[in-house]
Amino acid sequence: MSDLGDWFRSVPFFTRYWLTLTVGFTLAGRIGIFRPHTMILLYEPLTRFQIWRLFTCLFYYPLSPGSGFHFLINLYFLYNYSRRLETDQYSGKPADYFFMLIFNWICCVIVGLIAEIPLLLDPMVLSILYIWCQLNKDVIVNFWFGTRFKAMYLPWVLLAFNMVISGGGLYEIIGILIGHLYFFLMFKYPQELGGPVLLQTPSILKEWFPDNFGGVHGFGQPPQRAPRPPPATRGGLFRGGHNWGRGNVLGGN
């Protein structure tokens, strides 16, 4: 048990709580501690101030013999890619990582209410996975049956795989779109396209989770800008300046 405890404490803060809440709510619903219908996202109960559904729909998953394998796959992707983001790209910046989770969660809730999607675990996990893949495009990842390819293709492979296996794909598409929206607004638009920063972590989150500058952290590499050309010259003369001649060394002939 000590090994399990050591592993659990080694999981990054937000990933640990997300993983724990997901397992806890799912098992609680499975053994009948609460009615699963009260945990899913539905518009009409929200009008009766059942606000908890906005959160529980992210953590609860209907566990059954038919959905158990898919749930375990979700846990694996949640742990693996949320942990990588939190400890690599967002290392030392817990507030920024928490803001990313909040942004993706809000987008999932909005789309879930519009498209009448009662459970948000799948699109939320895919959105996190997509962001990691975009920040690590050229990293080689392993998939089933020994296949290897660049990380940038992984979300689309998962989409195709799920369409073949279960005939789905809607949740994966939503997760990819939400992940791309965050990636575009946070990284691509300000860094590569030179636009203004449209997403910024609220200062209150910075107060709650202050930056820790003891680790290595970053938000991807900004594009290399072309060097500025040197001032135009003509005959050794800077334009607008004066030709002071070759000059002599003090004490020379």
C-alpha atoms as a PDB file:
ATOM      1  CA  MET A   1       0.000   0.000   0.000  1.00  0.00           C
ATOM      2  CA  SER A   2       2.921   2.333   0.613  1.00  0.00           C
ATOM      3  CA  ASP A   3       3.895   2.064  -3.057  1.00  0.00           C
ATOM      4  CA  LEU A   4       0.367   3.018  -4.101  1.00  0.00           C
ATOM      5  CA  GLY A   5       0.407   5.957  -1.698  1.00  0.00           C
ATOM      6  CA  ASP A   6       3.766   7.135  -2.986  1.00  0.00           C
ATOM      7  CA  TRP A   7       2.510   6.944  -6.563  1.00  0.00           C
ATOM      8  CA  PHE A   8      -0.671   8.842  -5.682  1.00  0.00           C
ATOM      9  CA  ARG A   9       1.266  11.635  -3.971  1.00  0.00           C
ATOM     10  CA  SER A  10       3.582  11.872  -6.971  1.00  0.00           C
ATOM     11  CA  VAL A  11       0.697  12.700  -9.318  1.00  0.00           C
ATOM     12  CA  PRO A  12       0.526  16.474  -9.990  1.00  0.00           C
ATOM     13  CA  PHE A  13      -2.030  18.410  -7.964  1.00  0.00           C
ATOM     14  CA  PHE A  14      -4.808  19.097 -10.492  1.00  0.00           C
ATOM     15  CA  THR A  15      -4.407  15.784 -12.299  1.00  0.00           C
ATOM     16  CA  ARG A  16      -4.609  13.992  -8.949  1.00  0.00           C
ATOM     17  CA  TYR A  17      -7.877  15.638  -7.970  1.00  0.00           C
ATOM     18  CA  TRP A  18      -9.412  15.258 -11.425  1.00  0.00           C
ATOM     19  CA  LEU A  19      -8.531  11.563 -11.461  1.00  0.00           C
ATOM     20  CA  THR A  20      -9.747  11.039  -7.885  1.00  0.00           C
ATOM     21  CA  LEU A  21     -13.080  12.783  -8.428  1.00  0.00           C
ATOM     22  CA  THR A  22     -13.668  10.860 -11.648  1.00  0.00           C
ATOM     23  CA  VAL A  23     -13.036   7.489 -10.024  1.00  0.00           C
ATOM     24  CA  GLY A  24     -14.937   8.464  -6.869  1.00  0.00           C
ATOM     25  CA  PHE A  25     -18.106   9.726  -8.555  1.00  0.00           C
ATOM     26  CA  THR A  26     -18.136   6.844 -11.031  1.00  0.00           C
ATOM     27  CA  LEU A  27     -17.809   4.154  -8.346  1.00  0.00           C
ATOM     28  CA  ALA A  28     -20.309   5.918  -6.090  1.00  0.00           C
ATOM     29  CA  GLY A  29     -22.859   5.905  -8.885  1.00  0.00           C
ATOM     30  CA  ARG A  30     -22.064   2.293  -9.698  1.00  0.00           C
ATOM     31  CA  ILE A  31     -22.749   1.004  -6.168  1.00  0.00           C
ATOM     32  CA  GLY A  32     -25.873   3.144  -5.784  1.00  0.00           C
ATOM     33  CA  ILE A  33     -24.787   5.860  -3.339  1.00  0.00           C
ATOM     34  CA  PHE A  34     -26.651   8.363  -5.517  1.00  0.00           C
ATOM     35  CA  ARG A  35     -28.928   8.137  -8.506  1.00  0.00           C
ATOM     36  CA  PRO A  36     -26.891   8.506 -11.714  1.00  0.00           C
ATOM     37  CA  HIS A  37     -29.675  10.563 -13.301  1.00  0.00           C
ATOM     38  CA  THR A  38     -28.998  13.354 -10.799  1.00  0.00           C
ATOM     39  CA  MET A  39     -25.350  13.672 -11.924  1.00  0.00           C
ATOM     40  CA  ILE A  40     -25.722  14.247 -15.673  1.00  0.00           C
ATOM     41  CA  LEU A  41     -26.022  17.539 -17.553  1.00  0.00           C
ATOM     42  CA  LEU A  42     -29.613  18.445 -18.364  1.00  0.00           C
ATOM     43  CA  TYR A  43     -30.960  21.924 -19.029  1.00  0.00           C
ATOM     44  CA  GLU A  44     -34.347  21.625 -17.332  1.00  0.00           C
ATOM     45  CA  PRO A  45     -32.978  20.621 -13.881  1.00  0.00           C
ATOM     46  CA  LEU A  46     -30.524  23.537 -14.068  1.00  0.00           C
ATOM     47  CA  THR A  47     -33.493  25.893 -14.146  1.00  0.00           C
ATOM     48  CA  ARG A  48     -34.434  24.411 -10.769  1.00  0.00           C
ATOM     49  CA  PHE A  49     -30.999  25.411  -9.417  1.00  0.00           C
ATOM     50  CA  GLN A  50     -29.428  21.944  -9.568  1.00  0.00           C
ATOM     51  CA  ILE A  51     -26.110  23.651 -10.208  1.00  0.00           C
ATOM     52  CA  TRP A  52     -24.014  20.687  -9.114  1.00  0.00           C
ATOM     53  CA  ARG A  53     -24.793  19.014 -12.442  1.00  0.00           C
ATOM     54  CA  LEU A  54     -22.377  21.441 -14.148  1.00  0.00           C
ATOM     55  CA  PHE A  55     -19.551  19.758 -12.232  1.00  0.00           C
ATOM     56  CA  THR A  56     -20.708  16.191 -11.708  1.00  0.00           C
ATOM     57  CA  CYS A  57     -21.322  15.679 -15.431  1.00  0.00           C
ATOM     58  CA  LEU A  58     -17.560  16.035 -15.878  1.00  0.00           C
ATOM     59  CA  PHE A  59     -16.602  13.475 -13.224  1.00  0.00           C
ATOM     60  CA  TYR A  60     -19.365  10.881 -13.364  1.00  0.00           C
ATOM     61  CA  TYR A  61     -19.320   8.107 -15.967  1.00  0.00           C
ATOM     62  CA  PRO A  62     -21.968   5.355 -16.203  1.00  0.00           C
ATOM     63  CA  LEU A  63     -19.922   2.256 -15.439  1.00  0.00           C
ATOM     64  CA  SER A  64     -21.185  -1.079 -16.746  1.00  0.00           C
ATOM     65  CA  PRO A  65     -19.691  -4.253 -18.245  1.00  0.00           C
ATOM     66  CA  GLY A  66     -20.113  -2.715 -21.686  1.00  0.00           C
ATOM     67  CA  SER A  67     -18.532   0.652 -20.838  1.00  0.00           C
ATOM     68  CA  GLY A  68     -15.830  -0.453 -18.403  1.00  0.00           C
ATOM     69  CA  PHE A  69     -13.053  -0.761 -20.977  1.00  0.00           C
ATOM     70  CA  HIS A  70     -13.829   2.664 -22.458  1.00  0.00           C
ATOM     71  CA  PHE A  71     -13.802   4.169 -18.966  1.00  0.00           C
ATOM     72  CA  LEU A  72     -10.357   2.701 -18.265  1.00  0.00           C
ATOM     73  CA  ILE A  73      -9.057   4.104 -21.558  1.00  0.00           C
ATOM     74  CA  ASN A  74     -10.353   7.528 -20.528  1.00  0.00           C
ATOM     75  CA  LEU A  75      -8.590   7.225 -17.174  1.00  0.00           C
ATOM     76  CA  TYR A  76      -5.358   6.314 -18.913  1.00  0.00           C
ATOM     77  CA  PHE A  77      -5.516   9.308 -21.264  1.00  0.00           C
ATOM     78  CA  LEU A  78      -6.585  11.611 -18.426  1.00  0.00           C
ATOM     79  CA  TYR A  79      -3.689  10.558 -16.201  1.00  0.00           C
ATOM     80  CA  ASN A  80      -1.071  10.366 -18.936  1.00  0.00           C
ATOM     81  CA  TYR A  81      -1.655  13.600 -20.851  1.00  0.00           C
ATOM     82  CA  SER A  82      -2.950  15.796 -18.045  1.00  0.00           C
ATOM     83  CA  ARG A  83       0.110  14.810 -16.014  1.00  0.00           C
ATOM     84  CA  ARG A  84       2.435  15.577 -18.915  1.00  0.00           C
ATOM     85  CA  LEU A  85       0.920  18.997 -19.478  1.00  0.00           C
ATOM     86  CA  GLU A  86       0.950  19.884 -15.793  1.00  0.00           C
ATOM     87  CA  THR A  87       4.552  18.803 -15.228  1.00  0.00           C
ATOM     88  CA  ASP A  88       6.073  19.925 -18.552  1.00  0.00           C
ATOM     89  CA  GLN A  89       4.470  22.819 -20.406  1.00  0.00           C
ATOM     90  CA  TYR A  90       2.771  24.198 -17.274  1.00  0.00           C
ATOM     91  CA  SER A  91       5.454  23.343 -14.741  1.00  0.00           C
ATOM     92  CA  GLY A  92       5.698  26.128 -12.185  1.00  0.00           C
ATOM     93  CA  LYS A  93       2.466  27.744 -13.402  1.00  0.00           C
ATOM     94  CA  PRO A  94      -0.415  25.949 -11.645  1.00  0.00           C
ATOM     95  CA  ALA A  95      -2.825  28.873 -12.103  1.00  0.00           C
ATOM     96  CA  ASP A  96      -2.353  28.785 -15.881  1.00  0.00           C
ATOM     97  CA  TYR A  97      -3.034  25.072 -15.982  1.00  0.00           C
ATOM     98  CA  PHE A  98      -6.119  25.450 -13.798  1.00  0.00           C
ATOM     99  CA  PHE A  99      -7.353  28.236 -16.076  1.00  0.00           C
ATOM    100  CA  MET A 100      -6.951  25.940 -19.079  1.00  0.00           C
ATOM    101  CA  LEU A 101      -9.063  23.293 -17.343  1.00  0.00           C
ATOM    102  CA  ILE A 102     -11.717  25.882 -16.479  1.00  0.00           C
ATOM    103  CA  PHE A 103     -11.797  27.243 -20.029  1.00  0.00           C
ATOM    104  CA  ASN A 104     -12.173  23.778 -21.569  1.00  0.00           C
ATOM    105  CA  TRP A 105     -14.787  22.795 -18.993  1.00  0.00           C
ATOM    106  CA  ILE A 106     -16.894  25.903 -19.698  1.00  0.00           C
ATOM    107  CA  CYS A 107     -16.717  25.221 -23.440  1.00  0.00           C
ATOM    108  CA  CYS A 108     -17.736  21.605 -22.846  1.00  0.00           C
ATOM    109  CA  VAL A 109     -20.705  22.691 -20.731  1.00  0.00           C
ATOM    110  CA  ILE A 110     -21.894  25.172 -23.377  1.00  0.00           C
ATOM    111  CA  VAL A 111     -21.622  22.621 -26.176  1.00  0.00           C
ATOM    112  CA  GLY A 112     -23.161  19.942 -23.956  1.00  0.00           C
ATOM    113  CA  LEU A 113     -26.226  22.064 -23.262  1.00  0.00           C
ATOM    114  CA  ILE A 114     -26.655  23.001 -26.925  1.00  0.00           C
ATOM    115  CA  ALA A 115     -26.086  19.488 -28.288  1.00  0.00           C
ATOM    116  CA  GLU A 116     -27.820  17.757 -25.343  1.00  0.00           C
ATOM    117  CA  ILE A 117     -24.713  15.809 -24.305  1.00  0.00           C
ATOM    118  CA  PRO A 118     -25.222  14.649 -20.702  1.00  0.00           C
ATOM    119  CA  LEU A 119     -21.654  13.460 -19.953  1.00  0.00           C
ATOM    120  CA  LEU A 120     -18.498  15.509 -20.531  1.00  0.00           C
ATOM    121  CA  LEU A 121     -15.638  13.206 -19.565  1.00  0.00           C
ATOM    122  CA  ASP A 122     -14.897  12.136 -23.147  1.00  0.00           C
ATOM    123  CA  PRO A 123     -14.694  15.601 -24.786  1.00  0.00           C
ATOM    124  CA  MET A 124     -12.823  17.062 -21.805  1.00  0.00           C
ATOM    125  CA  VAL A 125     -10.148  14.367 -21.900  1.00  0.00           C
ATOM    126  CA  LEU A 126      -9.817  14.675 -25.681  1.00  0.00           C
ATOM    127  CA  SER A 127      -9.410  18.453 -25.416  1.00  0.00           C
ATOM    128  CA  ILE A 128      -6.485  18.039 -22.996  1.00  0.00           C
ATOM    129  CA  LEU A 129      -4.932  15.339 -25.148  1.00  0.00           C
ATOM    130  CA  TYR A 130      -5.251  17.543 -28.243  1.00  0.00           C
ATOM    131  CA  ILE A 131      -3.478  20.468 -26.564  1.00  0.00           C
ATOM    132  CA  TRP A 132      -0.574  18.255 -25.508  1.00  0.00           C
ATOM    133  CA  CYS A 133      -0.306  16.826 -29.020  1.00  0.00           C
ATOM    134  CA  GLN A 134      -0.205  20.296 -30.564  1.00  0.00           C
ATOM    135  CA  LEU A 135       2.529  21.407 -28.166  1.00  0.00           C
ATOM    136  CA  ASN A 136       4.518  18.243 -28.885  1.00  0.00           C
ATOM    137  CA  LYS A 137       3.736  17.670 -32.554  1.00  0.00           C
ATOM    138  CA  ASP A 138       6.916  15.828 -33.482  1.00  0.00           C
ATOM    139  CA  VAL A 139       7.066  13.525 -30.446  1.00  0.00           C
ATOM    140  CA  ILE A 140       6.641   9.902 -31.477  1.00  0.00           C
ATOM    141  CA  VAL A 141       3.812   8.166 -29.609  1.00  0.00           C
ATOM    142  CA  ASN A 142       2.956   4.481 -29.426  1.00  0.00           C
ATOM    143  CA  PHE A 143      -0.520   3.204 -30.169  1.00  0.00           C
ATOM    144  CA  TRP A 144      -2.095  -0.203 -30.194  1.00  0.00           C
ATOM    145  CA  PHE A 145      -0.640  -3.079 -32.207  1.00  0.00           C
ATOM    146  CA  GLY A 146       2.812  -1.473 -32.099  1.00  0.00           C
ATOM    147  CA  THR A 147       1.955   1.451 -34.375  1.00  0.00           C
ATOM    148  CA  ARG A 148       4.090   4.590 -33.983  1.00  0.00           C
ATOM    149  CA  PHE A 149       3.438   8.040 -35.362  1.00  0.00           C
ATOM    150  CA  LYS A 150       3.820  11.709 -34.509  1.00  0.00           C
ATOM    151  CA  ALA A 151       1.741  13.081 -31.660  1.00  0.00           C
ATOM    152  CA  MET A 152      -0.033  15.562 -33.937  1.00  0.00           C
ATOM    153  CA  TYR A 153      -1.943  12.661 -35.511  1.00  0.00           C
ATOM    154  CA  LEU A 154      -3.044  10.982 -32.273  1.00  0.00           C
ATOM    155  CA  PRO A 155      -6.405  12.797 -31.807  1.00  0.00           C
ATOM    156  CA  TRP A 156      -7.432  11.932 -35.349  1.00  0.00           C
ATOM    157  CA  VAL A 157      -6.362   8.315 -34.922  1.00  0.00           C
ATOM    158  CA  LEU A 158      -8.519   8.101 -31.793  1.00  0.00           C
ATOM    159  CA  LEU A 159     -11.423   9.649 -33.676  1.00  0.00           C
ATOM    160  CA  ALA A 160     -11.133   7.126 -36.520  1.00  0.00           C
ATOM    161  CA  PHE A 161     -10.621   4.239 -34.092  1.00  0.00           C
ATOM    162  CA  ASN A 162     -13.746   5.092 -32.105  1.00  0.00           C
ATOM    163  CA  MET A 163     -15.810   5.510 -35.264  1.00  0.00           C
ATOM    164  CA  VAL A 164     -14.805   2.018 -36.379  1.00  0.00           C
ATOM    165  CA  ILE A 165     -15.221   0.325 -32.997  1.00  0.00           C
ATOM    166  CA  SER A 166     -18.391   1.945 -31.656  1.00  0.00           C
ATOM    167  CA  GLY A 167     -19.731   4.000 -34.527  1.00  0.00           C
ATOM    168  CA  GLY A 168     -19.338   7.181 -32.472  1.00  0.00           C
ATOM    169  CA  GLY A 169     -16.996  10.098 -32.925  1.00  0.00           C
ATOM    170  CA  LEU A 170     -19.106  13.072 -31.831  1.00  0.00           C
ATOM    171  CA  TYR A 171     -17.441  13.400 -28.431  1.00  0.00           C
ATOM    172  CA  GLU A 172     -13.994  13.185 -29.997  1.00  0.00           C
ATOM    173  CA  ILE A 173     -14.811  15.890 -32.545  1.00  0.00           C
ATOM    174  CA  ILE A 174     -16.113  18.183 -29.793  1.00  0.00           C
ATOM    175  CA  GLY A 175     -13.000  17.583 -27.703  1.00  0.00           C
ATOM    176  CA  ILE A 176     -10.724  18.299 -30.672  1.00  0.00           C
ATOM    177  CA  LEU A 177     -12.564  21.535 -31.504  1.00  0.00           C
ATOM    178  CA  ILE A 178     -12.452  22.769 -27.900  1.00  0.00           C
ATOM    179  CA  GLY A 179      -8.786  21.882 -27.570  1.00  0.00           C
ATOM    180  CA  HIS A 180      -8.011  23.636 -30.839  1.00  0.00           C
ATOM    181  CA  LEU A 181      -9.913  26.739 -29.722  1.00  0.00           C
ATOM    182  CA  TYR A 182      -7.774  27.017 -26.594  1.00  0.00           C
ATOM    183  CA  PHE A 183      -4.556  26.245 -28.452  1.00  0.00           C
ATOM    184  CA  PHE A 184      -5.338  28.827 -31.135  1.00  0.00           C
ATOM    185  CA  LEU A 185      -6.252  31.602 -28.703  1.00  0.00           C
ATOM    186  CA  MET A 186      -3.434  30.937 -26.240  1.00  0.00           C
ATOM    187  CA  PHE A 187      -0.539  29.947 -28.502  1.00  0.00           C
ATOM    188  CA  LYS A 188      -1.019  30.098 -32.247  1.00  0.00           C
ATOM    189  CA  TYR A 189      -2.744  33.474 -32.636  1.00  0.00           C
ATOM    190  CA  PRO A 190      -0.465  35.574 -30.364  1.00  0.00           C
ATOM    191  CA  GLN A 191       2.812  33.721 -31.058  1.00  0.00           C
ATOM    192  CA  GLU A 192       2.675  32.725 -34.708  1.00  0.00           C
ATOM    193  CA  LEU A 193       0.198  35.193 -36.175  1.00  0.00           C
ATOM    194  CA  GLY A 194       1.328  38.179 -34.122  1.00  0.00           C
ATOM    195  CA  GLY A 195      -2.109  38.897 -32.672  1.00  0.00           C
ATOM    196  CA  PRO A 196      -2.950  40.191 -29.198  1.00  0.00           C
ATOM    197  CA  VAL A 197      -3.245  37.859 -26.219  1.00  0.00           C
ATOM    198  CA  LEU A 198      -6.942  36.989 -25.994  1.00  0.00           C
ATOM    199  CA  LEU A 199      -6.748  34.525 -23.104  1.00  0.00           C
ATOM    200  CA  GLN A 200      -5.110  35.499 -19.842  1.00  0.00           C
ATOM    201  CA  THR A 201      -5.207  33.781 -16.470  1.00  0.00           C
ATOM    202  CA  PRO A 202      -7.272  35.851 -13.987  1.00  0.00           C
ATOM    203  CA  SER A 203      -5.234  37.426 -11.235  1.00  0.00           C
ATOM    204  CA  ILE A 204      -7.371  35.779  -8.544  1.00  0.00           C
ATOM    205  CA  LEU A 205      -6.177  32.366  -9.738  1.00  0.00           C
ATOM    206  CA  LYS A 206      -2.604  33.638  -9.583  1.00  0.00           C
ATOM    207  CA  GLU A 207      -3.225  34.608  -5.954  1.00  0.00           C
ATOM    208  CA  TRP A 208      -4.692  31.230  -5.106  1.00  0.00           C
ATOM    209  CA  PHE A 209      -2.048  29.252  -6.994  1.00  0.00           C
ATOM    210  CA  PRO A 210       1.079  31.440  -7.243  1.00  0.00           C
ATOM    211  CA  ASP A 211       3.738  30.659  -9.810  1.00  0.00           C
ATOM    212  CA  ASN A 212       6.620  28.498  -8.727  1.00  0.00           C
ATOM    213  CA  PHE A 213       9.704  29.584 -10.628  1.00  0.00           C
ATOM    214  CA  GLY A 214      11.855  26.788  -9.281  1.00  0.00           C
ATOM    215  CA  GLY A 215      11.006  24.473 -12.201  1.00  0.00           C
ATOM    216  CA  VAL A 216      11.361  24.543 -15.944  1.00  0.00           C
ATOM    217  CA  HIS A 217       8.234  25.741 -17.620  1.00  0.00           C
ATOM    218  CA  GLY A 218       7.096  27.241 -20.857  1.00  0.00           C
ATOM    219  CA  PHE A 219       4.271  27.652 -23.293  1.00  0.00           C
ATOM    220  CA  GLY A 220       5.849  26.385 -26.479  1.00  0.00           C
ATOM    221  CA  GLN A 221       8.444  28.015 -28.623  1.00  0.00           C
ATOM    222  CA  PRO A 222       7.511  31.324 -30.269  1.00  0.00           C
ATOM    223  CA  PRO A 223       8.186  31.559 -33.988  1.00  0.00           C
ATOM    224  CA  GLN A 224      11.592  32.698 -35.078  1.00  0.00           C
ATOM    225  CA  ARG A 225      11.278  36.158 -36.485  1.00  0.00           C
ATOM    226  CA  ALA A 226      13.466  37.233 -39.363  1.00  0.00           C
ATOM    227  CA  PRO A 227      16.429  39.368 -38.207  1.00  0.00           C
ATOM    228  CA  ARG A 228      16.188  43.066 -38.924  1.00  0.00           C
ATOM    229  CA  PRO A 229      18.358  44.140 -41.863  1.00  0.00           C
ATOM    230  CA  PRO A 230      21.408  46.258 -41.018  1.00  0.00           C
ATOM    231  CA  PRO A 231      21.292  49.957 -41.864  1.00  0.00           C
ATOM    232  CA  ALA A 232      21.812  50.627 -45.550  1.00  0.00           C
ATOM    233  CA  THR A 233      25.382  51.566 -46.447  1.00  0.00           C
ATOM    234  CA  ARG A 234      27.052  52.933 -49.469  1.00  0.00           C
ATOM    235  CA  GLY A 235      30.775  53.054 -49.892  1.00  0.00           C
ATOM    236  CA  GLY A 236      31.380  52.349 -46.215  1.00  0.00           C
ATOM    237  CA  LEU A 237      29.173  55.303 -45.237  1.00  0.00           C
ATOM    238  CA  PHE A 238      26.118  54.869 -43.018  1.00  0.00           C
ATOM    239  CA  ARG A 239      23.183  56.633 -44.588  1.00  0.00           C
ATOM    240  CA  GLY A 240      22.681  59.966 -42.860  1.00  0.00           C
ATOM    241  CA  GLY A 241      26.075  59.749 -41.079  1.00  0.00           C
ATOM    242  CA  HIS A 242      29.543  61.050 -41.838  1.00  0.00           C
ATOM    243  CA  ASN A 243      32.623  59.306 -43.242  1.00  0.00           C
ATOM    244  CA  TRP A 244      35.233  59.728 -40.568  1.00  0.00           C
ATOM    245  CA  GLY A 245      37.945  58.023 -42.584  1.00  0.00           C
ATOM    246  CA  ARG A 246      40.050  54.992 -41.797  1.00  0.00           C
ATOM    247  CA  GLY A 247      41.718  56.440 -38.662  1.00  0.00           C
ATOM    248  CA  ASN A 248      45.153  55.736 -37.181  1.00  0.00           C
ATOM    249  CA  VAL A 249      46.324  53.896 -34.110  1.00  0.00           C
ATOM    250  CA  LEU A 250      47.568  56.224 -31.399  1.00  0.00           C
ATOM    251  CA  GLY A 251      51.360  56.284 -31.582  1.00  0.00           C
ATOM    252  CA  GLY A 252      51.413  54.816 -35.081  1.00  0.00           C
ATOM    253  CA  ASN A 253      52.901  56.325 -38.222  1.00  0.00           C
END
